[in-house]
Amino acid sequence: MVFDETTAWPDGFDTFRITPARLRSLPPVRLRTYEELAVQPAPVETGSPAEAE
């Protein structure tokens, strides 16, 4: 059920009896820097596959 301050309730409806179906606890939000969120460049491979053998 979704409602807000503009919801029109029927006469005699007790809104204090409305309770959430279940409460969820969410982990705290951690602020991140741009560097943490930016896509990191792929590592540059040096040498050829033949040199690795």
N, C-alpha and C. Protein backbone atom coordinates (compact mmCIF):
# COMPACT_ATOMS: atom_id res chain seq x y z
N MET A 1 0.85 -1.16 0.00
CA MET A 1 0.00 0.00 0.00
C MET A 1 0.90 1.23 0.00
N VAL A 2 0.56 2.17 -0.85
CA VAL A 2 1.33 3.42 -0.93
C VAL A 2 0.38 4.57 -0.65
N PHE A 3 0.78 5.47 0.23
CA PHE A 3 -0.04 6.63 0.52
C PHE A 3 0.85 7.77 0.98
N ASP A 4 0.31 8.96 0.89
CA ASP A 4 1.03 10.14 1.35
C ASP A 4 0.03 11.13 1.95
N GLU A 5 0.47 12.37 2.16
CA GLU A 5 -0.41 13.34 2.82
C GLU A 5 -1.61 13.74 1.95
N THR A 6 -1.61 13.42 0.65
CA THR A 6 -2.74 13.76 -0.21
C THR A 6 -3.76 12.63 -0.33
N THR A 7 -3.53 11.49 0.31
CA THR A 7 -4.44 10.37 0.25
C THR A 7 -5.76 10.71 0.94
N ALA A 8 -6.88 10.41 0.27
CA ALA A 8 -8.21 10.64 0.85
C ALA A 8 -8.69 9.32 1.45
N TRP A 9 -8.86 9.30 2.78
CA TRP A 9 -9.31 8.09 3.47
C TRP A 9 -10.82 8.13 3.66
N PRO A 10 -11.48 6.97 3.70
CA PRO A 10 -12.92 6.95 3.97
C PRO A 10 -13.21 7.47 5.38
N ASP A 11 -14.40 7.99 5.57
CA ASP A 11 -14.80 8.49 6.90
C ASP A 11 -14.69 7.36 7.92
N GLY A 12 -14.08 7.67 9.06
CA GLY A 12 -13.97 6.70 10.13
C GLY A 12 -12.77 5.76 10.01
N PHE A 13 -11.99 5.89 8.94
CA PHE A 13 -10.82 5.02 8.77
C PHE A 13 -9.73 5.44 9.74
N ASP A 14 -9.19 4.49 10.49
CA ASP A 14 -8.18 4.78 11.50
C ASP A 14 -6.78 4.57 10.90
N THR A 15 -6.12 5.66 10.52
CA THR A 15 -4.79 5.55 9.89
C THR A 15 -3.71 5.12 10.88
N PHE A 16 -3.97 5.21 12.18
CA PHE A 16 -2.97 4.81 13.17
C PHE A 16 -2.82 3.28 13.24
N ARG A 17 -3.76 2.56 12.66
CA ARG A 17 -3.68 1.09 12.66
C ARG A 17 -2.86 0.54 11.50
N ILE A 18 -2.44 1.43 10.59
CA ILE A 18 -1.64 0.99 9.44
C ILE A 18 -0.21 0.76 9.92
N THR A 19 0.29 -0.42 9.67
CA THR A 19 1.67 -0.74 10.02
C THR A 19 2.36 -1.36 8.80
N PRO A 20 3.66 -1.19 8.69
CA PRO A 20 4.35 -1.80 7.56
C PRO A 20 4.28 -3.32 7.62
N ALA A 21 4.27 -3.96 6.47
CA ALA A 21 4.20 -5.42 6.41
C ALA A 21 5.43 -6.03 7.07
N ARG A 22 6.59 -5.45 6.80
CA ARG A 22 7.82 -5.88 7.45
C ARG A 22 8.81 -4.73 7.42
N LEU A 23 9.60 -4.66 8.41
CA LEU A 23 10.62 -3.62 8.47
C LEU A 23 11.93 -4.18 7.95
N ARG A 24 12.60 -3.40 7.16
CA ARG A 24 13.90 -3.82 6.65
C ARG A 24 14.97 -2.92 7.25
N SER A 25 16.08 -3.51 7.59
CA SER A 25 17.18 -2.68 8.04
C SER A 25 18.21 -2.66 6.92
N LEU A 26 18.57 -1.48 6.50
CA LEU A 26 19.51 -1.32 5.41
C LEU A 26 20.85 -0.89 5.97
N PRO A 27 21.93 -1.32 5.32
CA PRO A 27 23.25 -0.89 5.80
C PRO A 27 23.41 0.61 5.60
N PRO A 28 24.25 1.24 6.40
CA PRO A 28 24.45 2.68 6.24
C PRO A 28 25.10 2.98 4.89
N VAL A 29 24.80 4.14 4.36
CA VAL A 29 25.37 4.57 3.08
C VAL A 29 26.74 5.16 3.35
N ARG A 30 27.73 4.70 2.59
CA ARG A 30 29.08 5.23 2.73
C ARG A 30 29.36 6.15 1.56
N LEU A 31 29.80 7.36 1.85
CA LEU A 31 30.14 8.30 0.79
C LEU A 31 31.37 7.79 0.05
N ARG A 32 31.35 7.93 -1.26
CA ARG A 32 32.48 7.47 -2.08
C ARG A 32 33.01 8.63 -2.90
N THR A 33 34.29 8.56 -3.21
CA THR A 33 34.91 9.60 -4.02
C THR A 33 34.74 9.26 -5.49
N TYR A 34 34.98 10.22 -6.34
CA TYR A 34 34.88 10.01 -7.78
C TYR A 34 35.85 8.91 -8.21
N GLU A 35 37.03 8.89 -7.64
CA GLU A 35 38.04 7.89 -8.02
C GLU A 35 37.55 6.47 -7.71
N GLU A 36 36.82 6.29 -6.64
CA GLU A 36 36.30 4.96 -6.30
C GLU A 36 35.24 4.50 -7.30
N LEU A 37 34.47 5.45 -7.83
CA LEU A 37 33.38 5.10 -8.73
C LEU A 37 33.80 5.07 -10.20
N ALA A 38 34.92 5.72 -10.53
CA ALA A 38 35.35 5.81 -11.93
C ALA A 38 35.81 4.44 -12.44
N VAL A 39 35.61 4.22 -13.72
CA VAL A 39 36.06 2.99 -14.35
C VAL A 39 37.58 3.04 -14.46
N GLN A 40 38.21 2.00 -13.98
CA GLN A 40 39.67 1.96 -13.99
C GLN A 40 40.15 1.41 -15.34
N PRO A 41 41.25 1.96 -15.88
CA PRO A 41 41.77 1.45 -17.15
C PRO A 41 42.30 0.03 -16.97
N ALA A 42 42.22 -0.74 -18.05
CA ALA A 42 42.73 -2.11 -18.02
C ALA A 42 44.24 -2.07 -17.88
N PRO A 43 44.83 -3.05 -17.17
CA PRO A 43 46.29 -3.07 -17.04
C PRO A 43 46.95 -3.31 -18.40
N VAL A 44 48.08 -2.64 -18.59
CA VAL A 44 48.82 -2.78 -19.85
C VAL A 44 49.72 -3.99 -19.72
N GLU A 45 49.58 -4.92 -20.68
CA GLU A 45 50.43 -6.12 -20.66
C GLU A 45 51.73 -5.81 -21.40
N THR A 46 52.83 -6.23 -20.82
CA THR A 46 54.12 -6.03 -21.46
C THR A 46 54.64 -7.37 -21.94
N GLY A 47 55.31 -7.34 -23.08
CA GLY A 47 55.88 -8.59 -23.62
C GLY A 47 54.85 -9.35 -24.43
N SER A 48 55.32 -10.32 -25.15
CA SER A 48 54.42 -11.15 -25.97
C SER A 48 54.20 -12.48 -25.26
N PRO A 49 53.17 -13.23 -25.64
CA PRO A 49 52.92 -14.51 -25.00
C PRO A 49 54.08 -15.50 -25.18
N ALA A 50 54.83 -15.37 -26.27
CA ALA A 50 55.96 -16.29 -26.53
C ALA A 50 57.07 -16.05 -25.50
N GLU A 51 57.22 -14.81 -25.03
CA GLU A 51 58.28 -14.52 -24.05
C GLU A 51 57.97 -15.13 -22.70
N ALA A 52 56.68 -15.36 -22.41
CA ALA A 52 56.29 -15.88 -21.11
C ALA A 52 56.61 -17.36 -20.97
N GLU A 53 56.80 -18.05 -22.07
CA GLU A 53 57.08 -19.49 -22.01
C GLU A 53 58.49 -19.81 -21.69
